[in-house]
């Protein structure tokens, strides 16, 4: 299982990015979580089969309608301890 922690910068809050990412992750079978950060970014933990994680990362580069993704910072991470993909409270 491949796991990545990502931080997405741009116009990513107030455009439905978290709900969109929840739907995409569930469609692709990716586990983890997504949340808004106080600095205006969206942070997520993505884990699953390499092809599914890469497909979600590729989709995140465009994001949902109304979003503008300027940059995605990515690092390897430990897989989540809970199954499924969920939306966490803003942090």
PDB file of N, CA and C in Angstrom:
ATOM      1  N   UNK A   1       0.852  -1.186   0.000  1.00  0.00           N
ATOM      2  CA  UNK A   1       0.000   0.000   0.000  1.00  0.00           C
ATOM      3  C   UNK A   1       0.890   1.238   0.000  1.00  0.00           C
ATOM      4  N   UNK A   2       0.604   2.135  -0.903  1.00  0.00           N
ATOM      5  CA  UNK A   2       1.334   3.393  -1.025  1.00  0.00           C
ATOM      6  C   UNK A   2       0.563   4.486  -0.269  1.00  0.00           C
ATOM      7  N   UNK A   3       1.269   5.324   0.506  1.00  0.00           N
ATOM      8  CA  UNK A   3       0.606   6.407   1.245  1.00  0.00           C
ATOM      9  C   UNK A   3       1.363   7.716   1.039  1.00  0.00           C
ATOM     10  N   UNK A   4       0.619   8.780   0.780  1.00  0.00           N
ATOM     11  CA  UNK A   4       1.175  10.116   0.567  1.00  0.00           C
ATOM     12  C   UNK A   4       0.392  11.130   1.379  1.00  0.00           C
ATOM     13  N   UNK A   5       1.105  12.083   1.963  1.00  0.00           N
ATOM     14  CA  UNK A   5       0.461  13.241   2.580  1.00  0.00           C
ATOM     15  C   UNK A   5       0.685  14.391   1.612  1.00  0.00           C
ATOM     16  N   UNK A   6      -0.403  15.096   1.271  1.00  0.00           N
ATOM     17  CA  UNK A   6      -0.290  16.186   0.313  1.00  0.00           C
ATOM     18  C   UNK A   6      -0.864  17.476   0.894  1.00  0.00           C
ATOM     19  N   UNK A   7      -0.341  18.586   0.397  1.00  0.00           N
ATOM     20  CA  UNK A   7      -0.849  19.910   0.726  1.00  0.00           C
ATOM     21  C   UNK A   7      -1.102  20.612  -0.600  1.00  0.00           C
ATOM     22  N   UNK A   8      -2.343  21.069  -0.798  1.00  0.00           N
ATOM     23  CA  UNK A   8      -2.745  21.658  -2.069  1.00  0.00           C
ATOM     24  C   UNK A   8      -2.947  23.155  -1.877  1.00  0.00           C
ATOM     25  N   UNK A   9      -2.223  23.947  -2.671  1.00  0.00           N
ATOM     26  CA  UNK A   9      -2.290  25.403  -2.585  1.00  0.00           C
ATOM     27  C   UNK A   9      -3.020  25.971  -3.797  1.00  0.00           C
ATOM     28  N   UNK A  10      -3.636  27.126  -3.621  1.00  0.00           N
ATOM     29  CA  UNK A  10      -4.353  27.810  -4.686  1.00  0.00           C
ATOM     30  C   UNK A  10      -5.722  28.233  -4.190  1.00  0.00           C
ATOM     31  N   UNK A  11      -6.686  28.320  -5.109  1.00  0.00           N
ATOM     32  CA  UNK A  11      -8.073  28.595  -4.715  1.00  0.00           C
ATOM     33  C   UNK A  11      -8.721  27.234  -4.494  1.00  0.00           C
ATOM     34  N   UNK A  12      -8.536  26.702  -3.280  1.00  0.00           N
ATOM     35  CA  UNK A  12      -8.976  25.341  -2.979  1.00  0.00           C
ATOM     36  C   UNK A  12      -9.952  25.270  -1.809  1.00  0.00           C
ATOM     37  N   UNK A  13     -10.214  26.393  -1.170  1.00  0.00           N
ATOM     38  CA  UNK A  13     -11.234  26.430  -0.124  1.00  0.00           C
ATOM     39  C   UNK A  13     -12.418  27.239  -0.623  1.00  0.00           C
ATOM     40  N   UNK A  14     -13.618  26.800  -0.240  1.00  0.00           N
ATOM     41  CA  UNK A  14     -14.830  27.488  -0.665  1.00  0.00           C
ATOM     42  C   UNK A  14     -15.295  27.095  -2.053  1.00  0.00           C
ATOM     43  N   UNK A  15     -14.705  26.048  -2.625  1.00  0.00           N
ATOM     44  CA  UNK A  15     -15.067  25.604  -3.977  1.00  0.00           C
ATOM     45  C   UNK A  15     -15.511  24.134  -3.994  1.00  0.00           C
ATOM     46  N   UNK A  16     -15.710  23.534  -2.812  1.00  0.00           N
ATOM     47  CA  UNK A  16     -16.157  22.139  -2.744  1.00  0.00           C
ATOM     48  C   UNK A  16     -15.050  21.115  -2.940  1.00  0.00           C
ATOM     49  N   UNK A  17     -13.800  21.520  -2.710  1.00  0.00           N
ATOM     50  CA  UNK A  17     -12.675  20.625  -2.966  1.00  0.00           C
ATOM     51  C   UNK A  17     -12.744  19.374  -2.099  1.00  0.00           C
ATOM     52  N   UNK A  18     -13.043  19.518  -0.808  1.00  0.00           N
ATOM     53  CA  UNK A  18     -13.064  18.346   0.087  1.00  0.00           C
ATOM     54  C   UNK A  18     -14.156  17.358  -0.301  1.00  0.00           C
ATOM     55  N   UNK A  19     -15.355  17.843  -0.595  1.00  0.00           N
ATOM     56  CA  UNK A  19     -16.437  16.938  -0.990  1.00  0.00           C
ATOM     57  C   UNK A  19     -16.117  16.249  -2.311  1.00  0.00           C
ATOM     58  N   UNK A  20     -15.537  17.005  -3.252  1.00  0.00           N
ATOM     59  CA  UNK A  20     -15.130  16.434  -4.533  1.00  0.00           C
ATOM     60  C   UNK A  20     -14.073  15.344  -4.314  1.00  0.00           C
ATOM     61  N   UNK A  21     -13.090  15.634  -3.455  1.00  0.00           N
ATOM     62  CA  UNK A  21     -12.028  14.675  -3.206  1.00  0.00           C
ATOM     63  C   UNK A  21     -12.571  13.422  -2.518  1.00  0.00           C
ATOM     64  N   UNK A  22     -13.522  13.576  -1.633  1.00  0.00           N
ATOM     65  CA  UNK A  22     -14.163  12.435  -0.976  1.00  0.00           C
ATOM     66  C   UNK A  22     -14.817  11.525  -2.013  1.00  0.00           C
ATOM     67  N   UNK A  23     -15.549  12.112  -2.949  1.00  0.00           N
ATOM     68  CA  UNK A  23     -16.191  11.306  -4.008  1.00  0.00           C
ATOM     69  C   UNK A  23     -15.160  10.615  -4.895  1.00  0.00           C
ATOM     70  N   UNK A  24     -14.115  11.344  -5.292  1.00  0.00           N
ATOM     71  CA  UNK A  24     -13.080  10.762  -6.151  1.00  0.00           C
ATOM     72  C   UNK A  24     -12.330   9.639  -5.442  1.00  0.00           C
ATOM     73  N   UNK A  25     -11.992   9.848  -4.185  1.00  0.00           N
ATOM     74  CA  UNK A  25     -11.274   8.818  -3.423  1.00  0.00           C
ATOM     75  C   UNK A  25     -12.119   7.559  -3.292  1.00  0.00           C
ATOM     76  N   UNK A  26     -13.395   7.725  -2.993  1.00  0.00           N
ATOM     77  CA  UNK A  26     -14.275   6.562  -2.869  1.00  0.00           C
ATOM     78  C   UNK A  26     -14.433   5.844  -4.207  1.00  0.00           C
ATOM     79  N   UNK A  27     -14.520   6.605  -5.284  1.00  0.00           N
ATOM     80  CA  UNK A  27     -14.643   6.009  -6.619  1.00  0.00           C
ATOM     81  C   UNK A  27     -13.405   5.188  -6.968  1.00  0.00           C
ATOM     82  N   UNK A  28     -12.230   5.679  -6.564  1.00  0.00           N
ATOM     83  CA  UNK A  28     -10.966   5.021  -6.897  1.00  0.00           C
ATOM     84  C   UNK A  28     -10.526   3.983  -5.862  1.00  0.00           C
ATOM     85  N   UNK A  29     -11.227   3.918  -4.733  1.00  0.00           N
ATOM     86  CA  UNK A  29     -10.844   2.968  -3.687  1.00  0.00           C
ATOM     87  C   UNK A  29      -9.641   3.415  -2.869  1.00  0.00           C
ATOM     88  N   UNK A  30      -9.446   4.734  -2.760  1.00  0.00           N
ATOM     89  CA  UNK A  30      -8.331   5.287  -1.987  1.00  0.00           C
ATOM     90  C   UNK A  30      -8.798   5.522  -0.553  1.00  0.00           C
ATOM     91  N   UNK A  31      -7.942   5.199   0.401  1.00  0.00           N
ATOM     92  CA  UNK A  31      -8.233   5.421   1.815  1.00  0.00           C
ATOM     93  C   UNK A  31      -7.538   6.675   2.299  1.00  0.00           C
ATOM     94  N   UNK A  32      -7.970   7.196   3.446  1.00  0.00           N
ATOM     95  CA  UNK A  32      -7.306   8.348   4.051  1.00  0.00           C
ATOM     96  C   UNK A  32      -8.281   9.401   4.511  1.00  0.00           C
ATOM     97  N   UNK A  33      -7.878  10.665   4.375  1.00  0.00           N
ATOM     98  CA  UNK A  33      -8.700  11.778   4.849  1.00  0.00           C
ATOM     99  C   UNK A  33      -8.326  13.070   4.116  1.00  0.00           C
ATOM    100  N   UNK A  34      -9.197  14.071   4.267  1.00  0.00           N
ATOM    101  CA  UNK A  34      -8.967  15.398   3.694  1.00  0.00           C
ATOM    102  C   UNK A  34      -9.501  16.436   4.678  1.00  0.00           C
ATOM    103  N   UNK A  35      -8.812  17.589   4.750  1.00  0.00           N
ATOM    104  CA  UNK A  35      -9.277  18.681   5.618  1.00  0.00           C
ATOM    105  C   UNK A  35      -8.749  20.015   5.113  1.00  0.00           C
ATOM    106  N   UNK A  36      -9.456  21.089   5.468  1.00  0.00           N
ATOM    107  CA  UNK A  36      -8.980  22.452   5.227  1.00  0.00           C
ATOM    108  C   UNK A  36      -7.985  22.811   6.308  1.00  0.00           C
ATOM    109  N   UNK A  37      -7.011  23.642   5.945  1.00  0.00           N
ATOM    110  CA  UNK A  37      -6.039  24.153   6.906  1.00  0.00           C
ATOM    111  C   UNK A  37      -6.261  25.659   7.081  1.00  0.00           C
ATOM    112  N   UNK A  38      -5.864  26.168   8.225  1.00  0.00           N
ATOM    113  CA  UNK A  38      -6.047  27.597   8.529  1.00  0.00           C
ATOM    114  C   UNK A  38      -5.280  28.492   7.564  1.00  0.00           C
ATOM    115  N   UNK A  39      -4.227  27.966   6.933  1.00  0.00           N
ATOM    116  CA  UNK A  39      -3.431  28.783   6.015  1.00  0.00           C
ATOM    117  C   UNK A  39      -4.024  28.856   4.607  1.00  0.00           C
ATOM    118  N   UNK A  40      -5.230  28.279   4.403  1.00  0.00           N
ATOM    119  CA  UNK A  40      -5.895  28.357   3.105  1.00  0.00           C
ATOM    120  C   UNK A  40      -5.633  27.169   2.196  1.00  0.00           C
ATOM    121  N   UNK A  41      -4.828  26.211   2.648  1.00  0.00           N
ATOM    122  CA  UNK A  41      -4.556  25.027   1.843  1.00  0.00           C
ATOM    123  C   UNK A  41      -5.538  23.906   2.191  1.00  0.00           C
ATOM    124  N   UNK A  42      -5.517  22.874   1.381  1.00  0.00           N
ATOM    125  CA  UNK A  42      -6.225  21.635   1.678  1.00  0.00           C
ATOM    126  C   UNK A  42      -5.153  20.576   1.888  1.00  0.00           C
ATOM    127  N   UNK A  43      -5.273  19.828   2.978  1.00  0.00           N
ATOM    128  CA  UNK A  43      -4.324  18.775   3.312  1.00  0.00           C
ATOM    129  C   UNK A  43      -5.027  17.429   3.226  1.00  0.00           C
ATOM    130  N   UNK A  44      -4.312  16.414   2.763  1.00  0.00           N
ATOM    131  CA  UNK A  44      -4.921  15.087   2.643  1.00  0.00           C
ATOM    132  C   UNK A  44      -3.892  13.997   2.848  1.00  0.00           C
ATOM    133  N   UNK A  45      -4.366  12.850   3.300  1.00  0.00           N
ATOM    134  CA  UNK A  45      -3.588  11.622   3.376  1.00  0.00           C
ATOM    135  C   UNK A  45      -4.242  10.648   2.413  1.00  0.00           C
ATOM    136  N   UNK A  46      -3.472  10.148   1.455  1.00  0.00           N
ATOM    137  CA  UNK A  46      -3.983   9.240   0.433  1.00  0.00           C
ATOM    138  C   UNK A  46      -3.241   7.926   0.541  1.00  0.00           C
ATOM    139  N   UNK A  47      -3.967   6.816   0.579  1.00  0.00           N
ATOM    140  CA  UNK A  47      -3.329   5.511   0.674  1.00  0.00           C
ATOM    141  C   UNK A  47      -4.111   4.487  -0.129  1.00  0.00           C
ATOM    142  N   UNK A  48      -3.385   3.562  -0.736  1.00  0.00           N
ATOM    143  CA  UNK A  48      -4.024   2.509  -1.507  1.00  0.00           C
ATOM    144  C   UNK A  48      -3.085   1.956  -2.554  1.00  0.00           C
ATOM    145  N   UNK A  49      -3.656   1.296  -3.531  1.00  0.00           N
ATOM    146  CA  UNK A  49      -2.860   0.767  -4.631  1.00  0.00           C
ATOM    147  C   UNK A  49      -2.219   1.933  -5.381  1.00  0.00           C
ATOM    148  N   UNK A  50      -0.997   1.721  -5.842  1.00  0.00           N
ATOM    149  CA  UNK A  50      -0.233   2.794  -6.482  1.00  0.00           C
ATOM    150  C   UNK A  50      -0.997   3.463  -7.624  1.00  0.00           C
ATOM    151  N   UNK A  51      -1.633   2.682  -8.484  1.00  0.00           N
ATOM    152  CA  UNK A  51      -2.351   3.259  -9.626  1.00  0.00           C
ATOM    153  C   UNK A  51      -3.505   4.144  -9.168  1.00  0.00           C
ATOM    154  N   UNK A  52      -4.218   3.729  -8.127  1.00  0.00           N
ATOM    155  CA  UNK A  52      -5.353   4.510  -7.629  1.00  0.00           C
ATOM    156  C   UNK A  52      -4.882   5.809  -6.983  1.00  0.00           C
ATOM    157  N   UNK A  53      -3.820   5.738  -6.181  1.00  0.00           N
ATOM    158  CA  UNK A  53      -3.283   6.936  -5.529  1.00  0.00           C
ATOM    159  C   UNK A  53      -2.780   7.919  -6.586  1.00  0.00           C
ATOM    160  N   UNK A  54      -2.073   7.416  -7.587  1.00  0.00           N
ATOM    161  CA  UNK A  54      -1.564   8.284  -8.649  1.00  0.00           C
ATOM    162  C   UNK A  54      -2.705   8.910  -9.453  1.00  0.00           C
ATOM    163  N   UNK A  55      -3.779   8.146  -9.687  1.00  0.00           N
ATOM    164  CA  UNK A  55      -4.937   8.692 -10.406  1.00  0.00           C
ATOM    165  C   UNK A  55      -5.580   9.831  -9.615  1.00  0.00           C
ATOM    166  N   UNK A  56      -5.667   9.679  -8.283  1.00  0.00           N
ATOM    167  CA  UNK A  56      -6.246  10.746  -7.465  1.00  0.00           C
ATOM    168  C   UNK A  56      -5.313  11.960  -7.431  1.00  0.00           C
ATOM    169  N   UNK A  57      -4.024  11.733  -7.340  1.00  0.00           N
ATOM    170  CA  UNK A  57      -3.076  12.853  -7.384  1.00  0.00           C
ATOM    171  C   UNK A  57      -3.188  13.620  -8.706  1.00  0.00           C
ATOM    172  N   UNK A  58      -3.318  12.904  -9.799  1.00  0.00           N
ATOM    173  CA  UNK A  58      -3.482  13.547 -11.103  1.00  0.00           C
ATOM    174  C   UNK A  58      -4.768  14.364 -11.139  1.00  0.00           C
ATOM    175  N   UNK A  59      -5.862  13.800 -10.623  1.00  0.00           N
ATOM    176  CA  UNK A  59      -7.138  14.522 -10.587  1.00  0.00           C
ATOM    177  C   UNK A  59      -7.033  15.770  -9.717  1.00  0.00           C
ATOM    178  N   UNK A  60      -6.278  15.692  -8.614  1.00  0.00           N
ATOM    179  CA  UNK A  60      -6.140  16.832  -7.700  1.00  0.00           C
ATOM    180  C   UNK A  60      -5.406  17.995  -8.349  1.00  0.00           C
ATOM    181  N   UNK A  61      -4.598  17.733  -9.354  1.00  0.00           N
ATOM    182  CA  UNK A  61      -3.880  18.821 -10.029  1.00  0.00           C
ATOM    183  C   UNK A  61      -4.844  19.760 -10.755  1.00  0.00           C
ATOM    184  N   UNK A  62      -6.009  19.250 -11.124  1.00  0.00           N
ATOM    185  CA  UNK A  62      -7.047  20.077 -11.751  1.00  0.00           C
ATOM    186  C   UNK A  62      -8.098  20.486 -10.719  1.00  0.00           C
ATOM    187  N   UNK A  63      -8.509  19.535  -9.877  1.00  0.00           N
ATOM    188  CA  UNK A  63      -9.514  19.808  -8.858  1.00  0.00           C
ATOM    189  C   UNK A  63     -10.907  19.925  -9.449  1.00  0.00           C
ATOM    190  N   UNK A  64     -11.871  20.300  -8.612  1.00  0.00           N
ATOM    191  CA  UNK A  64     -13.249  20.444  -9.067  1.00  0.00           C
ATOM    192  C   UNK A  64     -13.438  21.760  -9.820  1.00  0.00           C
ATOM    193  N   UNK A  65     -14.591  21.912 -10.499  1.00  0.00           N
ATOM    194  CA  UNK A  65     -14.881  23.200 -11.150  1.00  0.00           C
ATOM    195  C   UNK A  65     -14.817  24.336 -10.124  1.00  0.00           C
ATOM    196  N   UNK A  66     -14.217  25.431 -10.505  1.00  0.00           N
ATOM    197  CA  UNK A  66     -14.097  26.589  -9.615  1.00  0.00           C
ATOM    198  C   UNK A  66     -12.798  26.629  -8.838  1.00  0.00           C
ATOM    199  N   UNK A  67     -12.093  25.510  -8.779  1.00  0.00           N
ATOM    200  CA  UNK A  67     -10.812  25.483  -8.069  1.00  0.00           C
ATOM    201  C   UNK A  67      -9.687  25.919  -9.004  1.00  0.00           C
ATOM    202  N   UNK A  68      -8.616  26.392  -8.398  1.00  0.00           N
ATOM    203  CA  UNK A  68      -7.379  26.671  -9.123  1.00  0.00           C
ATOM    204  C   UNK A  68      -6.240  26.113  -8.275  1.00  0.00           C
ATOM    205  N   UNK A  69      -5.590  25.090  -8.756  1.00  0.00           N
ATOM    206  CA  UNK A  69      -4.491  24.468  -8.025  1.00  0.00           C
ATOM    207  C   UNK A  69      -3.185  25.074  -8.526  1.00  0.00           C
ATOM    208  N   UNK A  70      -2.468  25.730  -7.623  1.00  0.00           N
ATOM    209  CA  UNK A  70      -1.196  26.348  -7.965  1.00  0.00           C
ATOM    210  C   UNK A  70      -0.016  25.414  -7.696  1.00  0.00           C
ATOM    211  N   UNK A  71      -0.144  24.610  -6.646  1.00  0.00           N
ATOM    212  CA  UNK A  71       0.981  23.762  -6.245  1.00  0.00           C
ATOM    213  C   UNK A  71       0.473  22.633  -5.363  1.00  0.00           C
ATOM    214  N   UNK A  72       1.090  21.461  -5.492  1.00  0.00           N
ATOM    215  CA  UNK A  72       0.844  20.337  -4.590  1.00  0.00           C
ATOM    216  C   UNK A  72       2.182  19.902  -4.022  1.00  0.00           C
ATOM    217  N   UNK A  73       2.327  19.998  -2.708  1.00  0.00           N
ATOM    218  CA  UNK A  73       3.501  19.480  -2.013  1.00  0.00           C
ATOM    219  C   UNK A  73       3.160  18.065  -1.559  1.00  0.00           C
ATOM    220  N   UNK A  74       4.090  17.153  -1.749  1.00  0.00           N
ATOM    221  CA  UNK A  74       3.800  15.738  -1.507  1.00  0.00           C
ATOM    222  C   UNK A  74       4.949  15.098  -0.741  1.00  0.00           C
ATOM    223  N   UNK A  75       4.600  14.240   0.220  1.00  0.00           N
ATOM    224  CA  UNK A  75       5.616  13.469   0.942  1.00  0.00           C
ATOM    225  C   UNK A  75       5.046  12.093   1.254  1.00  0.00           C
ATOM    226  N   UNK A  76       5.939  11.138   1.449  1.00  0.00           N
ATOM    227  CA  UNK A  76       5.493   9.806   1.818  1.00  0.00           C
ATOM    228  C   UNK A  76       5.026   9.822   3.263  1.00  0.00           C
ATOM    229  N   UNK A  77       4.086   8.933   3.601  1.00  0.00           N
ATOM    230  CA  UNK A  77       3.499   8.916   4.938  1.00  0.00           C
ATOM    231  C   UNK A  77       3.156   7.488   5.333  1.00  0.00           C
ATOM    232  N   UNK A  78       2.793   7.326   6.595  1.00  0.00           N
ATOM    233  CA  UNK A  78       2.284   6.054   7.084  1.00  0.00           C
ATOM    234  C   UNK A  78       0.826   5.926   6.658  1.00  0.00           C
ATOM    235  N   UNK A  79       0.387   4.728   6.285  1.00  0.00           N
ATOM    236  CA  UNK A  79      -1.023   4.536   5.905  1.00  0.00           C
ATOM    237  C   UNK A  79      -1.958   4.873   7.069  1.00  0.00           C
ATOM    238  N   UNK A  80      -3.194   5.227   6.762  1.00  0.00           N
ATOM    239  CA  UNK A  80      -4.165   5.542   7.829  1.00  0.00           C
ATOM    240  C   UNK A  80      -4.479   4.291   8.647  1.00  0.00           C
ATOM    241  N   UNK A  81      -4.891   4.509   9.883  1.00  0.00           N
ATOM    242  CA  UNK A  81      -5.241   3.384  10.758  1.00  0.00           C
ATOM    243  C   UNK A  81      -6.703   2.982  10.601  1.00  0.00           C
ATOM    244  N   UNK A  82      -7.517   3.868  10.059  1.00  0.00           N
ATOM    245  CA  UNK A  82      -8.937   3.574   9.859  1.00  0.00           C
ATOM    246  C   UNK A  82      -9.220   3.343   8.381  1.00  0.00           C
ATOM    247  N   UNK A  83     -10.121   2.402   8.070  1.00  0.00           N
ATOM    248  CA  UNK A  83     -10.462   2.153   6.667  1.00  0.00           C
ATOM    249  C   UNK A  83     -11.331   3.270   6.092  1.00  0.00           C
ATOM    250  N   UNK A  84     -11.390   3.329   4.777  1.00  0.00           N
ATOM    251  CA  UNK A  84     -12.243   4.301   4.096  1.00  0.00           C
ATOM    252  C   UNK A  84     -11.565   5.649   3.941  1.00  0.00           C
ATOM    253  N   UNK A  85     -12.317   6.592   3.376  1.00  0.00           N
ATOM    254  CA  UNK A  85     -11.833   7.952   3.175  1.00  0.00           C
ATOM    255  C   UNK A  85     -12.829   8.879   3.839  1.00  0.00           C
ATOM    256  N   UNK A  86     -12.340   9.817   4.640  1.00  0.00           N
ATOM    257  CA  UNK A  86     -13.244  10.680   5.389  1.00  0.00           C
ATOM    258  C   UNK A  86     -12.780  12.128   5.362  1.00  0.00           C
ATOM    259  N   UNK A  87     -13.705  12.979   5.680  1.00  0.00           N
ATOM    260  CA  UNK A  87     -13.450  14.415   5.776  1.00  0.00           C
ATOM    261  C   UNK A  87     -13.232  14.753   7.248  1.00  0.00           C
ATOM    262  N   UNK A  88     -12.074  15.289   7.579  1.00  0.00           N
ATOM    263  CA  UNK A  88     -11.763  15.667   8.953  1.00  0.00           C
ATOM    264  C   UNK A  88     -12.132  17.129   9.196  1.00  0.00           C
ATOM    265  N   UNK A  89     -12.320  17.495  10.462  1.00  0.00           N
ATOM    266  CA  UNK A  89     -12.548  18.903  10.770  1.00  0.00           C
ATOM    267  C   UNK A  89     -11.334  19.737  10.348  1.00  0.00           C
ATOM    268  N   UNK A  90     -11.577  20.990  10.058  1.00  0.00           N
ATOM    269  CA  UNK A  90     -10.485  21.883   9.668  1.00  0.00           C
ATOM    270  C   UNK A  90      -9.447  21.937  10.768  1.00  0.00           C
ATOM    271  N   UNK A  91      -8.207  22.046  10.357  1.00  0.00           N
ATOM    272  CA  UNK A  91      -7.125  22.046  11.346  1.00  0.00           C
ATOM    273  C   UNK A  91      -6.120  23.128  11.115  1.00  0.00           C
TER     274      UNK A  91
END
